[in-house]
C-alpha atoms as a PDB file:
ATOM      1  CA  UNK A   1     -54.494 -12.141 -19.609  1.00  0.00           C
ATOM      2  CA  UNK A   2     -54.075 -15.373 -17.573  1.00  0.00           C
ATOM      3  CA  UNK A   3     -54.287 -15.265 -13.474  1.00  0.00           C
ATOM      4  CA  UNK A   4     -50.536 -16.482 -13.891  1.00  0.00           C
ATOM      5  CA  UNK A   5     -49.322 -12.900 -15.549  1.00  0.00           C
ATOM      6  CA  UNK A   6     -51.461 -11.012 -13.227  1.00  0.00           C
ATOM      7  CA  UNK A   7     -49.423 -12.700 -10.386  1.00  0.00           C
ATOM      8  CA  UNK A   8     -46.359 -12.562 -11.810  1.00  0.00           C
ATOM      9  CA  UNK A   9     -46.902  -8.530 -12.777  1.00  0.00           C
ATOM     10  CA  UNK A  10     -48.291  -8.391  -9.211  1.00  0.00           C
ATOM     11  CA  UNK A  11     -44.983  -9.696  -7.531  1.00  0.00           C
ATOM     12  CA  UNK A  12     -42.567  -7.431  -9.738  1.00  0.00           C
ATOM     13  CA  UNK A  13     -44.738  -4.457  -8.527  1.00  0.00           C
ATOM     14  CA  UNK A  14     -43.952  -5.586  -5.176  1.00  0.00           C
ATOM     15  CA  UNK A  15     -40.623  -5.849  -5.596  1.00  0.00           C
ATOM     16  CA  UNK A  16     -39.932  -2.629  -7.226  1.00  0.00           C
ATOM     17  CA  UNK A  17     -42.139  -1.205  -4.169  1.00  0.00           C
ATOM     18  CA  UNK A  18     -39.821  -3.126  -1.532  1.00  0.00           C
ATOM     19  CA  UNK A  19     -36.580  -1.761  -3.224  1.00  0.00           C
ATOM     20  CA  UNK A  20     -37.515   2.179  -3.678  1.00  0.00           C
ATOM     21  CA  UNK A  21     -38.730   1.797   0.480  1.00  0.00           C
ATOM     22  CA  UNK A  22     -35.092   0.268   1.145  1.00  0.00           C
ATOM     23  CA  UNK A  23     -33.662   2.831  -1.029  1.00  0.00           C
ATOM     24  CA  UNK A  24     -35.615   5.708   0.574  1.00  0.00           C
ATOM     25  CA  UNK A  25     -35.478   4.112   4.093  1.00  0.00           C
ATOM     26  CA  UNK A  26     -39.326   4.774   4.255  1.00  0.00           C
ATOM     27  CA  UNK A  27     -40.829   2.719   7.473  1.00  0.00           C
ATOM     28  CA  UNK A  28     -42.071  -0.486   6.635  1.00  0.00           C
ATOM     29  CA  UNK A  29     -46.051  -1.511   6.819  1.00  0.00           C
ATOM     30  CA  UNK A  30     -45.669  -2.280  10.558  1.00  0.00           C
ATOM     31  CA  UNK A  31     -43.989   1.037  11.728  1.00  0.00           C
ATOM     32  CA  UNK A  32     -46.024   3.691  13.058  1.00  0.00           C
ATOM     33  CA  UNK A  33     -46.422   6.685  11.078  1.00  0.00           C
ATOM     34  CA  UNK A  34     -43.417   9.084  12.175  1.00  0.00           C
ATOM     35  CA  UNK A  35     -41.338   6.368  13.298  1.00  0.00           C
ATOM     36  CA  UNK A  36     -38.056   7.073  13.392  1.00  0.00           C
ATOM     37  CA  UNK A  37     -36.669   3.454  13.448  1.00  0.00           C
ATOM     38  CA  UNK A  38     -33.385   2.960  11.391  1.00  0.00           C
ATOM     39  CA  UNK A  39     -31.927   0.164  10.279  1.00  0.00           C
ATOM     40  CA  UNK A  40     -28.886  -1.145  12.523  1.00  0.00           C
ATOM     41  CA  UNK A  41     -25.714  -0.487  11.175  1.00  0.00           C
ATOM     42  CA  UNK A  42     -22.824  -2.761  11.258  1.00  0.00           C
ATOM     43  CA  UNK A  43     -19.497  -1.381  12.352  1.00  0.00           C
ATOM     44  CA  UNK A  44     -16.782  -1.258   9.684  1.00  0.00           C
ATOM     45  CA  UNK A  45     -14.360  -4.116   9.718  1.00  0.00           C
ATOM     46  CA  UNK A  46     -11.114  -3.213  11.211  1.00  0.00           C
ATOM     47  CA  UNK A  47      -7.750  -4.078   9.270  1.00  0.00           C
ATOM     48  CA  UNK A  48      -5.700  -6.832  10.810  1.00  0.00           C
ATOM     49  CA  UNK A  49      -3.032  -5.239  12.957  1.00  0.00           C
ATOM     50  CA  UNK A  50       0.146  -6.015  11.885  1.00  0.00           C
ATOM     51  CA  UNK A  51       3.686  -5.456  13.504  1.00  0.00           C
ATOM     52  CA  UNK A  52       6.389  -5.522  10.947  1.00  0.00           C
ATOM     53  CA  UNK A  53       9.544  -3.476  12.412  1.00  0.00           C
ATOM     54  CA  UNK A  54      10.665  -1.950  15.578  1.00  0.00           C
ATOM     55  CA  UNK A  55      13.519   0.749  15.889  1.00  0.00           C
ATOM     56  CA  UNK A  56      15.763   0.593  17.141  1.00  0.00           C
ATOM     57  CA  UNK A  57      15.921  -3.189  18.044  1.00  0.00           C
ATOM     58  CA  UNK A  58      19.095  -3.445  20.393  1.00  0.00           C
ATOM     59  CA  UNK A  59      20.192  -1.201  23.135  1.00  0.00           C
ATOM     60  CA  UNK A  60      22.777  -1.053  25.740  1.00  0.00           C
ATOM     61  CA  UNK A  61      21.640  -1.576  29.676  1.00  0.00           C
ATOM     62  CA  UNK A  62      21.172   1.201  31.771  1.00  0.00           C
ATOM     63  CA  UNK A  63      18.152   3.214  33.033  1.00  0.00           C
ATOM     64  CA  UNK A  64      15.517   5.720  31.950  1.00  0.00           C
ATOM     65  CA  UNK A  65      13.289   5.502  29.025  1.00  0.00           C
ATOM     66  CA  UNK A  66      14.003   5.461  25.403  1.00  0.00           C
ATOM     67  CA  UNK A  67      11.508   6.333  22.407  1.00  0.00           C
ATOM     68  CA  UNK A  68      10.747   2.829  20.225  1.00  0.00           C
ATOM     69  CA  UNK A  69       9.313   3.640  16.633  1.00  0.00           C
ATOM     70  CA  UNK A  70       6.899   0.604  15.706  1.00  0.00           C
ATOM     71  CA  UNK A  71       6.144   0.266  12.194  1.00  0.00           C
ATOM     72  CA  UNK A  72       3.309  -2.029  10.504  1.00  0.00           C
ATOM     73  CA  UNK A  73      -0.221  -1.267   9.429  1.00  0.00           C
ATOM     74  CA  UNK A  74      -3.845  -1.261  11.176  1.00  0.00           C
ATOM     75  CA  UNK A  75      -2.933   1.256  13.932  1.00  0.00           C
ATOM     76  CA  UNK A  76      -5.642   3.573  15.719  1.00  0.00           C
ATOM     77  CA  UNK A  77      -6.008   5.841  18.506  1.00  0.00           C
ATOM     78  CA  UNK A  78      -6.920   2.437  20.422  1.00  0.00           C
ATOM     79  CA  UNK A  79      -3.894   0.893  19.640  1.00  0.00           C
ATOM     80  CA  UNK A  80      -0.842   0.209  22.479  1.00  0.00           C
ATOM     81  CA  UNK A  81       2.495  -1.086  22.420  1.00  0.00           C
ATOM     82  CA  UNK A  82       3.004  -3.615  24.926  1.00  0.00           C
ATOM     83  CA  UNK A  83       6.779  -3.906  25.544  1.00  0.00           C
ATOM     84  CA  UNK A  84       8.025  -6.535  27.917  1.00  0.00           C
ATOM     85  CA  UNK A  85       4.361  -7.425  28.637  1.00  0.00           C
ATOM     86  CA  UNK A  86       3.750  -3.815  29.955  1.00  0.00           C
ATOM     87  CA  UNK A  87       1.588  -1.651  28.355  1.00  0.00           C
ATOM     88  CA  UNK A  88       3.512   1.707  27.768  1.00  0.00           C
ATOM     89  CA  UNK A  89       2.836   5.055  26.805  1.00  0.00           C
ATOM     90  CA  UNK A  90       2.122   5.237  23.018  1.00  0.00           C
ATOM     91  CA  UNK A  91       1.659   7.861  20.183  1.00  0.00           C
ATOM     92  CA  UNK A  92      -0.198   7.242  16.975  1.00  0.00           C
ATOM     93  CA  UNK A  93       1.677   9.104  14.469  1.00  0.00           C
ATOM     94  CA  UNK A  94      -0.272   6.989  11.477  1.00  0.00           C
ATOM     95  CA  UNK A  95      -2.175   4.305  10.457  1.00  0.00           C
ATOM     96  CA  UNK A  96       1.535   2.652   9.730  1.00  0.00           C
ATOM     97  CA  UNK A  97       3.663   4.047  12.554  1.00  0.00           C
ATOM     98  CA  UNK A  98       3.326   4.473  16.153  1.00  0.00           C
ATOM     99  CA  UNK A  99       6.132   5.456  19.009  1.00  0.00           C
ATOM    100  CA  UNK A 100       6.301   4.769  22.565  1.00  0.00           C
ATOM    101  CA  UNK A 101       8.258   5.267  25.710  1.00  0.00           C
ATOM    102  CA  UNK A 102       9.782   2.194  26.791  1.00  0.00           C
ATOM    103  CA  UNK A 103      11.852   1.656  29.847  1.00  0.00           C
ATOM    104  CA  UNK A 104      15.421   0.611  29.735  1.00  0.00           C
ATOM    105  CA  UNK A 105      16.065  -2.781  31.566  1.00  0.00           C
ATOM    106  CA  UNK A 106      19.390  -3.066  34.119  1.00  0.00           C
ATOM    107  CA  UNK A 107      20.468  -6.345  32.694  1.00  0.00           C
ATOM    108  CA  UNK A 108      21.094  -7.896  29.244  1.00  0.00           C
ATOM    109  CA  UNK A 109      18.017  -9.962  28.292  1.00  0.00           C
ATOM    110  CA  UNK A 110      15.492 -10.131  25.402  1.00  0.00           C
ATOM    111  CA  UNK A 111      11.885  -8.977  25.507  1.00  0.00           C
ATOM    112  CA  UNK A 112       8.769  -8.887  23.472  1.00  0.00           C
ATOM    113  CA  UNK A 113       7.305  -6.142  21.846  1.00  0.00           C
ATOM    114  CA  UNK A 114       3.616  -6.384  20.213  1.00  0.00           C
ATOM    115  CA  UNK A 115       0.690  -4.043  19.559  1.00  0.00           C
ATOM    116  CA  UNK A 116      -2.795  -4.334  21.108  1.00  0.00           C
ATOM    117  CA  UNK A 117      -5.975  -3.019  19.775  1.00  0.00           C
ATOM    118  CA  UNK A 118      -8.767  -4.090  21.881  1.00  0.00           C
ATOM    119  CA  UNK A 119      -9.088  -7.350  21.744  1.00  0.00           C
ATOM    120  CA  UNK A 120      -6.705  -7.501  18.656  1.00  0.00           C
ATOM    121  CA  UNK A 121      -3.120  -8.408  18.653  1.00  0.00           C
ATOM    122  CA  UNK A 122      -0.119  -8.374  16.322  1.00  0.00           C
ATOM    123  CA  UNK A 123       2.955 -10.700  15.905  1.00  0.00           C
ATOM    124  CA  UNK A 124       5.429 -10.652  18.519  1.00  0.00           C
ATOM    125  CA  UNK A 125       8.910  -8.899  17.618  1.00  0.00           C
ATOM    126  CA  UNK A 126      11.824  -9.148  20.329  1.00  0.00           C
ATOM    127  CA  UNK A 127      14.230  -6.203  21.188  1.00  0.00           C
ATOM    128  CA  UNK A 128      17.775  -6.924  22.771  1.00  0.00           C
ATOM    129  CA  UNK A 129      19.456  -5.452  25.808  1.00  0.00           C
ATOM    130  CA  UNK A 130      23.347  -5.923  25.815  1.00  0.00           C
ATOM    131  CA  UNK A 131      25.873  -5.454  28.333  1.00  0.00           C
ATOM    132  CA  UNK A 132      28.424  -4.060  25.856  1.00  0.00           C
ATOM    133  CA  UNK A 133      27.869  -1.656  22.880  1.00  0.00           C
ATOM    134  CA  UNK A 134      28.670  -4.261  19.688  1.00  0.00           C
ATOM    135  CA  UNK A 135      31.462  -3.125  17.545  1.00  0.00           C
ATOM    136  CA  UNK A 136      30.024  -2.813  14.027  1.00  0.00           C
ATOM    137  CA  UNK A 137      31.900  -3.441  10.588  1.00  0.00           C
ATOM    138  CA  UNK A 138      32.442   0.269  10.033  1.00  0.00           C
ATOM    139  CA  UNK A 139      34.378   0.172  13.412  1.00  0.00           C
ATOM    140  CA  UNK A 140      37.057  -2.670  12.824  1.00  0.00           C
ATOM    141  CA  UNK A 141      40.793  -1.938  12.314  1.00  0.00           C
ATOM    142  CA  UNK A 142      42.173  -1.364   8.684  1.00  0.00           C
ATOM    143  CA  UNK A 143      43.772  -4.285   6.890  1.00  0.00           C
ATOM    144  CA  UNK A 144      47.599  -3.566   7.177  1.00  0.00           C
ATOM    145  CA  UNK A 145      49.824  -3.018   4.245  1.00  0.00           C
ATOM    146  CA  UNK A 146      53.325  -4.874   4.232  1.00  0.00           C
ATOM    147  CA  UNK A 147      56.092  -2.473   3.885  1.00  0.00           C
ATOM    148  CA  UNK A 148      57.340  -0.816   0.844  1.00  0.00           C
ATOM    149  CA  UNK A 149      59.408  -3.194  -1.403  1.00  0.00           C
ATOM    150  CA  UNK A 150      58.366  -6.128   0.289  1.00  0.00           C
ATOM    151  CA  UNK A 151      55.918  -8.577  -1.116  1.00  0.00           C
ATOM    152  CA  UNK A 152      53.690 -10.729   1.176  1.00  0.00           C
ATOM    153  CA  UNK A 153      54.253 -13.931   1.694  1.00  0.00           C
ATOM    154  CA  UNK A 154      51.525 -16.508   0.059  1.00  0.00           C
ATOM    155  CA  UNK A 155      51.103 -20.071   1.846  1.00  0.00           C
ATOM    156  CA  UNK A 156      50.186 -22.825  -0.447  1.00  0.00           C
ATOM    157  CA  UNK A 157      51.079 -23.936  -3.638  1.00  0.00           C
ATOM    158  CA  UNK A 158      50.929 -22.040  -6.860  1.00  0.00           C
END
């Protein structure tokens, strides 16, 4: 065997020993026997903080508080709903849902809603306080039918 072959074999043996030591978390050559040095662990990366919906998203002005349901992703125990630039009492329902106890505004306005998790911030959605209840499509008066025997007058050319 030539010197080159011995060097290559020795290098392969060293690499195998290093890999085995890493797998068993054995102390390195520089650590004293009985050392409890553990390689540092990297904290897991948190998923992005996403705010996708709020419910309700509008309310008539008044006083007191109301429950707001926030849906999205990346929520955790440290997540806080920020309503109109104020942290509000927040309950973690799941990693995709939070509930918050939000103050009712006394005047018509639009406020921002977002979620904070430490230094992370979600996108912003808007919540509207209205002065009056909005009429929904279901509450419109039904169309009037013409009396029996009478045809409606149509305007325009036929």
